[in-house]
């Protein structure tokens, strides 16, 4: 990424008087309560089994069903550039943020290609879609069931 204007280590934010650097260091890439953790709870509630976490694969999928060859990513709308309204346009350093998000999107496409070449089916769920858990669960259940049928052939 390019140069961020100002002093990220010294510049205070409105979030608990943390510096921008301190604030950004607290943004978790895994175990986010609003995304992966919420989906994990839904899987258990719905009896969806066979998934694993933290499997060493390109892109670090949030969930994987190794026996079925399926990986699932739960993508944050802002960080991955989803046009759902939650992806607010950054007011500070917009060029840098847009460059970062574009890079994330390129990386996501590259990871999808790598995983598919390795024989994995790739599912991606947007953070905003978790507001409608039935939609997400139905999509995931459909993928799991169709892969189970393929494995029987």
N, C-alpha and C. Protein backbone atom coordinates (compact mmCIF):
# COMPACT_ATOMS: atom_id res chain seq x y z
N UNK A 1 0.83 -1.16 0.00
CA UNK A 1 0.00 0.00 0.00
C UNK A 1 0.88 1.23 0.00
N UNK A 2 0.35 2.32 -0.46
CA UNK A 2 1.10 3.56 -0.56
C UNK A 2 1.29 4.24 0.78
N UNK A 3 1.58 5.51 0.72
CA UNK A 3 1.83 6.30 1.92
C UNK A 3 0.53 6.87 2.46
N UNK A 4 0.31 6.68 3.75
CA UNK A 4 -0.86 7.26 4.40
C UNK A 4 -0.46 8.63 4.94
N UNK A 5 -1.22 9.66 4.59
CA UNK A 5 -0.88 11.00 5.09
C UNK A 5 -1.04 11.08 6.60
N UNK A 6 -0.29 11.96 7.20
CA UNK A 6 -0.40 12.16 8.64
C UNK A 6 0.43 11.15 9.41
N UNK A 7 0.29 11.18 10.69
CA UNK A 7 1.02 10.30 11.59
C UNK A 7 0.04 9.28 12.18
N UNK A 8 -0.03 8.09 11.59
CA UNK A 8 -0.98 7.08 12.06
C UNK A 8 -0.71 6.68 13.50
N UNK A 9 0.54 6.75 13.93
CA UNK A 9 0.86 6.36 15.30
C UNK A 9 0.47 7.43 16.32
N UNK A 10 0.35 8.67 15.88
CA UNK A 10 0.06 9.76 16.80
C UNK A 10 -1.35 10.32 16.64
N UNK A 11 -1.94 10.16 15.48
CA UNK A 11 -3.24 10.76 15.17
C UNK A 11 -4.34 10.05 15.97
N UNK A 12 -5.03 10.77 16.83
CA UNK A 12 -6.08 10.19 17.68
C UNK A 12 -7.39 10.11 16.92
N UNK A 13 -8.15 9.05 17.23
CA UNK A 13 -9.46 8.86 16.61
C UNK A 13 -10.53 9.14 17.66
N UNK A 14 -11.79 9.03 17.26
CA UNK A 14 -12.89 9.22 18.20
C UNK A 14 -13.25 7.91 18.90
N UNK A 15 -12.52 6.83 18.62
CA UNK A 15 -12.79 5.53 19.24
C UNK A 15 -11.89 5.34 20.45
N UNK A 16 -12.34 5.76 21.61
CA UNK A 16 -11.60 5.57 22.84
C UNK A 16 -10.26 6.27 22.87
N UNK A 17 -10.13 7.33 22.09
CA UNK A 17 -8.90 8.11 22.04
C UNK A 17 -7.69 7.28 21.61
N UNK A 18 -7.95 6.19 20.85
CA UNK A 18 -6.87 5.37 20.31
C UNK A 18 -6.25 6.06 19.11
N UNK A 19 -4.97 5.79 18.87
CA UNK A 19 -4.37 6.29 17.64
C UNK A 19 -4.94 5.47 16.48
N UNK A 20 -4.84 6.00 15.27
CA UNK A 20 -5.34 5.28 14.11
C UNK A 20 -4.65 3.92 13.98
N UNK A 21 -3.36 3.90 14.24
CA UNK A 21 -2.59 2.66 14.17
C UNK A 21 -3.09 1.64 15.20
N UNK A 22 -3.33 2.10 16.44
CA UNK A 22 -3.84 1.21 17.49
C UNK A 22 -5.23 0.68 17.13
N UNK A 23 -6.07 1.56 16.59
CA UNK A 23 -7.41 1.17 16.21
C UNK A 23 -7.38 0.10 15.11
N UNK A 24 -6.60 0.33 14.06
CA UNK A 24 -6.55 -0.61 12.95
C UNK A 24 -5.93 -1.95 13.38
N UNK A 25 -5.03 -1.93 14.34
CA UNK A 25 -4.42 -3.18 14.80
C UNK A 25 -5.42 -4.06 15.55
N UNK A 26 -6.52 -3.46 16.00
CA UNK A 26 -7.55 -4.22 16.72
C UNK A 26 -8.60 -4.83 15.80
N UNK A 27 -8.56 -4.50 14.52
CA UNK A 27 -9.50 -5.07 13.56
C UNK A 27 -9.07 -6.50 13.30
N UNK A 28 -9.91 -7.45 13.66
CA UNK A 28 -9.55 -8.86 13.55
C UNK A 28 -9.85 -9.38 12.16
N UNK A 29 -8.97 -10.23 11.66
CA UNK A 29 -9.19 -10.83 10.34
C UNK A 29 -9.91 -12.16 10.45
N UNK A 30 -9.94 -12.75 11.65
CA UNK A 30 -10.67 -14.00 11.86
C UNK A 30 -11.41 -13.91 13.19
N UNK A 31 -12.42 -14.74 13.35
CA UNK A 31 -13.15 -14.77 14.60
C UNK A 31 -14.00 -13.54 14.84
N UNK A 32 -14.36 -12.83 13.78
CA UNK A 32 -15.16 -11.63 13.91
C UNK A 32 -16.57 -12.01 14.37
N UNK A 33 -17.03 -11.41 15.45
CA UNK A 33 -18.32 -11.76 16.04
C UNK A 33 -19.47 -11.62 15.06
N UNK A 34 -19.40 -10.64 14.15
CA UNK A 34 -20.52 -10.42 13.24
C UNK A 34 -20.47 -11.31 12.01
N UNK A 35 -19.40 -12.06 11.82
CA UNK A 35 -19.30 -12.86 10.60
C UNK A 35 -19.07 -14.33 10.92
N UNK A 36 -17.81 -14.77 10.99
CA UNK A 36 -17.55 -16.19 11.16
C UNK A 36 -18.17 -16.79 12.42
N UNK A 37 -18.06 -16.08 13.53
CA UNK A 37 -18.58 -16.60 14.78
C UNK A 37 -20.10 -16.76 14.70
N UNK A 38 -20.74 -15.80 14.08
CA UNK A 38 -22.20 -15.88 13.93
C UNK A 38 -22.60 -17.06 13.04
N UNK A 39 -21.85 -17.27 11.98
CA UNK A 39 -22.15 -18.38 11.08
C UNK A 39 -21.88 -19.72 11.76
N UNK A 40 -20.84 -19.79 12.56
CA UNK A 40 -20.53 -21.02 13.30
C UNK A 40 -21.70 -21.39 14.21
N UNK A 41 -22.27 -20.42 14.88
CA UNK A 41 -23.43 -20.65 15.75
C UNK A 41 -24.62 -21.15 14.93
N UNK A 42 -24.83 -20.54 13.74
CA UNK A 42 -25.93 -20.99 12.87
C UNK A 42 -25.71 -22.42 12.40
N UNK A 43 -24.47 -22.78 12.05
CA UNK A 43 -24.18 -24.15 11.63
C UNK A 43 -24.55 -25.15 12.72
N UNK A 44 -24.15 -24.84 13.93
CA UNK A 44 -24.44 -25.75 15.04
C UNK A 44 -25.94 -25.86 15.28
N UNK A 45 -26.63 -24.72 15.22
CA UNK A 45 -28.07 -24.70 15.44
C UNK A 45 -28.80 -25.51 14.36
N UNK A 46 -28.32 -25.43 13.11
CA UNK A 46 -28.96 -26.11 11.98
C UNK A 46 -28.46 -27.54 11.78
N UNK A 47 -27.50 -27.96 12.59
CA UNK A 47 -26.98 -29.32 12.47
C UNK A 47 -26.09 -29.53 11.25
N UNK A 48 -25.49 -28.46 10.74
CA UNK A 48 -24.56 -28.57 9.61
C UNK A 48 -23.23 -29.04 10.18
N UNK A 49 -22.79 -30.21 9.70
CA UNK A 49 -21.59 -30.83 10.28
C UNK A 49 -20.51 -31.03 9.23
N UNK A 50 -19.36 -31.44 9.71
CA UNK A 50 -18.26 -31.77 8.83
C UNK A 50 -17.33 -30.61 8.51
N UNK A 51 -17.64 -29.43 9.01
CA UNK A 51 -16.81 -28.27 8.71
C UNK A 51 -15.63 -28.20 9.66
N UNK A 52 -14.59 -27.58 9.16
CA UNK A 52 -13.38 -27.35 9.94
C UNK A 52 -12.99 -25.89 9.79
N UNK A 53 -12.24 -25.40 10.76
CA UNK A 53 -11.74 -24.03 10.72
C UNK A 53 -10.23 -24.06 10.61
N UNK A 54 -9.67 -22.99 10.14
CA UNK A 54 -8.22 -22.78 10.12
C UNK A 54 -7.46 -23.84 9.34
N UNK A 55 -8.03 -24.29 8.24
CA UNK A 55 -7.32 -25.23 7.37
C UNK A 55 -6.33 -24.44 6.55
N UNK A 56 -5.14 -24.94 6.42
CA UNK A 56 -4.08 -24.22 5.69
C UNK A 56 -4.27 -24.37 4.19
N UNK A 57 -4.94 -23.40 3.64
CA UNK A 57 -5.21 -23.34 2.21
C UNK A 57 -5.00 -21.90 1.77
N UNK A 58 -4.80 -21.68 0.47
CA UNK A 58 -4.68 -20.30 -0.01
C UNK A 58 -5.88 -19.46 0.41
N UNK A 59 -5.63 -18.25 0.87
CA UNK A 59 -6.69 -17.32 1.26
C UNK A 59 -7.22 -17.53 2.65
N UNK A 60 -6.81 -18.60 3.34
CA UNK A 60 -7.27 -18.91 4.69
C UNK A 60 -8.79 -18.90 4.79
N UNK A 61 -9.46 -19.88 4.17
CA UNK A 61 -10.93 -19.91 4.23
C UNK A 61 -11.43 -19.94 5.67
N UNK A 62 -12.60 -19.36 5.89
CA UNK A 62 -13.19 -19.32 7.22
C UNK A 62 -13.71 -20.69 7.64
N UNK A 63 -14.24 -21.43 6.67
CA UNK A 63 -14.76 -22.78 6.92
C UNK A 63 -14.38 -23.66 5.75
N UNK A 64 -14.19 -24.95 6.03
CA UNK A 64 -13.92 -25.91 4.96
C UNK A 64 -14.59 -27.23 5.32
N UNK A 65 -15.08 -27.88 4.29
CA UNK A 65 -15.60 -29.23 4.40
C UNK A 65 -14.63 -30.11 3.60
N UNK A 66 -13.55 -30.59 4.25
CA UNK A 66 -12.51 -31.30 3.51
C UNK A 66 -13.02 -32.54 2.78
N UNK A 67 -13.94 -33.28 3.40
CA UNK A 67 -14.46 -34.50 2.77
C UNK A 67 -15.24 -34.19 1.49
N UNK A 68 -15.80 -32.99 1.41
CA UNK A 68 -16.59 -32.61 0.25
C UNK A 68 -15.83 -31.69 -0.70
N UNK A 69 -14.69 -31.20 -0.26
CA UNK A 69 -13.91 -30.31 -1.12
C UNK A 69 -14.55 -28.94 -1.29
N UNK A 70 -15.15 -28.42 -0.22
CA UNK A 70 -15.81 -27.11 -0.27
C UNK A 70 -15.15 -26.18 0.75
N UNK A 71 -14.89 -24.95 0.33
CA UNK A 71 -14.41 -23.92 1.25
C UNK A 71 -15.39 -22.75 1.23
N UNK A 72 -15.48 -22.06 2.36
CA UNK A 72 -16.39 -20.93 2.50
C UNK A 72 -15.63 -19.75 3.09
N UNK A 73 -15.78 -18.61 2.43
CA UNK A 73 -15.24 -17.35 2.94
C UNK A 73 -16.40 -16.47 3.33
N UNK A 74 -16.28 -15.79 4.46
CA UNK A 74 -17.26 -14.79 4.88
C UNK A 74 -16.57 -13.45 4.72
N UNK A 75 -16.96 -12.70 3.70
CA UNK A 75 -16.27 -11.46 3.33
C UNK A 75 -16.97 -10.24 3.91
N UNK A 76 -16.19 -9.36 4.54
CA UNK A 76 -16.71 -8.09 5.03
C UNK A 76 -17.01 -7.18 3.85
N UNK A 77 -18.15 -6.53 3.89
CA UNK A 77 -18.60 -5.71 2.76
C UNK A 77 -17.64 -4.56 2.46
N UNK A 78 -17.15 -3.86 3.48
CA UNK A 78 -16.24 -2.75 3.23
C UNK A 78 -14.91 -3.26 2.67
N UNK A 79 -14.30 -4.22 3.35
CA UNK A 79 -12.96 -4.67 3.01
C UNK A 79 -12.87 -5.35 1.65
N UNK A 80 -13.97 -5.95 1.19
CA UNK A 80 -13.95 -6.70 -0.07
C UNK A 80 -14.75 -6.01 -1.17
N UNK A 81 -15.24 -4.79 -0.91
CA UNK A 81 -15.83 -3.96 -1.95
C UNK A 81 -17.20 -4.38 -2.44
N UNK A 82 -18.08 -4.78 -1.52
CA UNK A 82 -19.44 -5.16 -1.92
C UNK A 82 -20.31 -3.91 -2.05
N UNK A 83 -21.12 -3.84 -3.10
CA UNK A 83 -21.99 -2.68 -3.33
C UNK A 83 -23.37 -2.90 -2.71
N UNK A 84 -23.40 -2.93 -1.39
CA UNK A 84 -24.67 -3.21 -0.71
C UNK A 84 -25.16 -2.02 0.11
N UNK A 85 -24.39 -0.96 0.15
CA UNK A 85 -24.76 0.19 0.97
C UNK A 85 -23.97 0.22 2.27
N UNK A 86 -23.49 -0.94 2.72
CA UNK A 86 -22.66 -0.97 3.92
C UNK A 86 -21.23 -0.58 3.58
N UNK A 87 -20.89 -0.73 2.30
CA UNK A 87 -19.56 -0.37 1.83
C UNK A 87 -19.52 1.15 1.66
N UNK A 88 -19.39 1.85 2.75
CA UNK A 88 -19.40 3.31 2.73
C UNK A 88 -18.15 3.84 2.05
N UNK A 89 -18.31 4.92 1.32
CA UNK A 89 -17.16 5.54 0.65
C UNK A 89 -16.28 6.20 1.70
N UNK A 90 -15.01 5.86 1.73
CA UNK A 90 -14.13 6.45 2.74
C UNK A 90 -13.94 7.95 2.52
N UNK A 91 -14.05 8.73 3.59
CA UNK A 91 -13.90 10.18 3.50
C UNK A 91 -12.44 10.60 3.68
N UNK A 92 -11.70 9.83 4.44
CA UNK A 92 -10.30 10.13 4.68
C UNK A 92 -9.45 9.20 3.82
N UNK A 93 -8.50 9.74 3.11
CA UNK A 93 -7.59 8.97 2.26
C UNK A 93 -8.32 8.06 1.26
N UNK A 94 -9.31 8.59 0.53
CA UNK A 94 -10.10 7.71 -0.34
C UNK A 94 -9.27 6.96 -1.38
N UNK A 95 -8.23 7.61 -1.92
CA UNK A 95 -7.42 6.93 -2.95
C UNK A 95 -6.75 5.70 -2.36
N UNK A 96 -6.20 5.84 -1.17
CA UNK A 96 -5.52 4.71 -0.53
C UNK A 96 -6.49 3.58 -0.20
N UNK A 97 -7.66 3.94 0.35
CA UNK A 97 -8.64 2.91 0.70
C UNK A 97 -9.16 2.21 -0.55
N UNK A 98 -9.46 2.97 -1.58
CA UNK A 98 -9.96 2.34 -2.81
C UNK A 98 -8.90 1.44 -3.43
N UNK A 99 -7.65 1.83 -3.34
CA UNK A 99 -6.55 0.99 -3.82
C UNK A 99 -6.46 -0.29 -3.00
N UNK A 100 -6.59 -0.18 -1.70
CA UNK A 100 -6.55 -1.34 -0.80
C UNK A 100 -7.69 -2.30 -1.11
N UNK A 101 -8.90 -1.77 -1.27
CA UNK A 101 -10.07 -2.61 -1.55
C UNK A 101 -9.94 -3.27 -2.92
N UNK A 102 -9.46 -2.53 -3.91
CA UNK A 102 -9.24 -3.12 -5.24
C UNK A 102 -8.22 -4.25 -5.16
N UNK A 103 -7.18 -4.07 -4.36
CA UNK A 103 -6.19 -5.13 -4.16
C UNK A 103 -6.81 -6.35 -3.49
N UNK A 104 -7.68 -6.13 -2.52
CA UNK A 104 -8.38 -7.25 -1.87
C UNK A 104 -9.22 -8.03 -2.87
N UNK A 105 -9.91 -7.30 -3.75
CA UNK A 105 -10.75 -7.96 -4.76
C UNK A 105 -9.90 -8.79 -5.73
N UNK A 106 -8.75 -8.24 -6.14
CA UNK A 106 -7.84 -9.00 -7.01
C UNK A 106 -7.35 -10.27 -6.31
N UNK A 107 -6.97 -10.10 -5.04
CA UNK A 107 -6.50 -11.25 -4.27
C UNK A 107 -7.61 -12.31 -4.15
N UNK A 108 -8.85 -11.89 -3.90
CA UNK A 108 -9.97 -12.83 -3.79
C UNK A 108 -10.13 -13.64 -5.08
N UNK A 109 -10.05 -12.96 -6.23
CA UNK A 109 -10.18 -13.67 -7.52
C UNK A 109 -9.03 -14.65 -7.71
N UNK A 110 -7.81 -14.22 -7.36
CA UNK A 110 -6.64 -15.09 -7.49
C UNK A 110 -6.77 -16.32 -6.60
N UNK A 111 -7.21 -16.13 -5.36
CA UNK A 111 -7.39 -17.23 -4.40
C UNK A 111 -8.47 -18.20 -4.92
N UNK A 112 -9.57 -17.66 -5.44
CA UNK A 112 -10.62 -18.52 -6.00
C UNK A 112 -10.05 -19.42 -7.09
N UNK A 113 -9.25 -18.83 -8.01
CA UNK A 113 -8.64 -19.61 -9.09
C UNK A 113 -7.72 -20.69 -8.54
N UNK A 114 -6.88 -20.33 -7.57
CA UNK A 114 -5.94 -21.29 -6.99
C UNK A 114 -6.69 -22.46 -6.37
N UNK A 115 -7.70 -22.16 -5.58
CA UNK A 115 -8.44 -23.22 -4.90
C UNK A 115 -9.17 -24.12 -5.89
N UNK A 116 -9.76 -23.52 -6.92
CA UNK A 116 -10.46 -24.33 -7.93
C UNK A 116 -9.49 -25.24 -8.67
N UNK A 117 -8.28 -24.73 -8.96
CA UNK A 117 -7.26 -25.58 -9.59
C UNK A 117 -6.88 -26.75 -8.70
N UNK A 118 -6.97 -26.54 -7.39
CA UNK A 118 -6.65 -27.60 -6.43
C UNK A 118 -7.83 -28.55 -6.22
N UNK A 119 -8.96 -28.26 -6.87
CA UNK A 119 -10.12 -29.15 -6.78
C UNK A 119 -11.17 -28.75 -5.77
N UNK A 120 -11.04 -27.59 -5.16
CA UNK A 120 -12.01 -27.14 -4.17
C UNK A 120 -13.13 -26.35 -4.85
N UNK A 121 -14.33 -26.47 -4.31
CA UNK A 121 -15.44 -25.59 -4.68
C UNK A 121 -15.41 -24.41 -3.71
N UNK A 122 -15.57 -23.21 -4.23
CA UNK A 122 -15.43 -22.01 -3.41
C UNK A 122 -16.78 -21.31 -3.27
N UNK A 123 -17.17 -21.06 -2.04
CA UNK A 123 -18.37 -20.28 -1.74
C UNK A 123 -17.93 -19.01 -1.01
N UNK A 124 -18.56 -17.91 -1.34
CA UNK A 124 -18.32 -16.66 -0.62
C UNK A 124 -19.66 -16.10 -0.17
N UNK A 125 -19.72 -15.69 1.08
CA UNK A 125 -20.92 -15.10 1.66
C UNK A 125 -20.54 -13.69 2.11
N UNK A 126 -21.37 -12.73 1.76
CA UNK A 126 -21.13 -11.35 2.19
C UNK A 126 -21.64 -11.15 3.60
N UNK A 127 -20.94 -10.32 4.34
CA UNK A 127 -21.32 -9.99 5.71
C UNK A 127 -22.77 -9.51 5.79
N UNK A 128 -23.21 -8.70 4.85
CA UNK A 128 -24.58 -8.16 4.88
C UNK A 128 -25.61 -9.27 4.69
N UNK A 129 -25.25 -10.36 4.00
CA UNK A 129 -26.19 -11.45 3.78
C UNK A 129 -26.49 -12.22 5.06
N UNK A 130 -25.65 -12.07 6.06
CA UNK A 130 -25.91 -12.74 7.33
C UNK A 130 -27.11 -12.14 8.06
N UNK A 131 -27.56 -10.97 7.58
CA UNK A 131 -28.80 -10.41 8.14
C UNK A 131 -30.00 -11.28 7.79
N UNK A 132 -29.86 -12.05 6.72
CA UNK A 132 -30.88 -13.00 6.31
C UNK A 132 -30.27 -14.40 6.38
N UNK A 133 -30.16 -14.95 7.60
CA UNK A 133 -29.45 -16.22 7.76
C UNK A 133 -30.03 -17.36 6.94
N UNK A 134 -31.34 -17.36 6.73
CA UNK A 134 -31.94 -18.45 5.94
C UNK A 134 -31.40 -18.47 4.51
N UNK A 135 -31.21 -17.29 3.92
CA UNK A 135 -30.65 -17.21 2.57
C UNK A 135 -29.27 -17.86 2.54
N UNK A 136 -28.42 -17.47 3.50
CA UNK A 136 -27.05 -18.02 3.55
C UNK A 136 -27.07 -19.52 3.78
N UNK A 137 -27.85 -19.93 4.77
CA UNK A 137 -27.90 -21.35 5.10
C UNK A 137 -28.42 -22.19 3.94
N UNK A 138 -29.44 -21.71 3.26
CA UNK A 138 -29.97 -22.45 2.11
C UNK A 138 -28.93 -22.58 1.01
N UNK A 139 -28.21 -21.54 0.75
CA UNK A 139 -27.17 -21.56 -0.27
C UNK A 139 -26.06 -22.55 0.09
N UNK A 140 -25.66 -22.53 1.34
CA UNK A 140 -24.60 -23.43 1.81
C UNK A 140 -25.09 -24.88 1.80
N UNK A 141 -26.31 -25.10 2.31
CA UNK A 141 -26.87 -26.46 2.33
C UNK A 141 -27.00 -27.02 0.92
N UNK A 142 -27.40 -26.18 -0.03
CA UNK A 142 -27.53 -26.62 -1.42
C UNK A 142 -26.17 -27.06 -1.97
N UNK A 143 -25.13 -26.27 -1.70
CA UNK A 143 -23.78 -26.62 -2.18
C UNK A 143 -23.30 -27.91 -1.54
N UNK A 144 -23.53 -28.06 -0.23
CA UNK A 144 -23.10 -29.27 0.47
C UNK A 144 -23.83 -30.50 -0.07
N UNK A 145 -25.13 -30.36 -0.27
CA UNK A 145 -25.92 -31.49 -0.74
C UNK A 145 -25.55 -31.87 -2.17
N UNK A 146 -25.33 -30.89 -3.05
CA UNK A 146 -24.99 -31.23 -4.43
C UNK A 146 -23.60 -31.87 -4.50
N UNK A 147 -22.69 -31.46 -3.63
CA UNK A 147 -21.36 -32.06 -3.60
C UNK A 147 -21.43 -33.48 -3.06
N UNK A 148 -22.30 -33.73 -2.07
CA UNK A 148 -22.47 -35.09 -1.54
C UNK A 148 -22.99 -36.01 -2.64
N UNK A 149 -23.94 -35.51 -3.44
CA UNK A 149 -24.49 -36.30 -4.53
C UNK A 149 -23.40 -36.62 -5.56
N UNK A 150 -22.58 -35.61 -5.89
CA UNK A 150 -21.48 -35.84 -6.84
C UNK A 150 -20.50 -36.88 -6.33
N UNK A 151 -20.24 -36.86 -5.02
CA UNK A 151 -19.30 -37.82 -4.45
C UNK A 151 -19.84 -39.24 -4.47
N UNK A 152 -21.16 -39.39 -4.52
CA UNK A 152 -21.77 -40.73 -4.59
C UNK A 152 -21.64 -41.34 -5.98
N UNK A 153 -21.54 -40.50 -7.01
CA UNK A 153 -21.44 -41.00 -8.38
C UNK A 153 -20.14 -41.72 -8.66
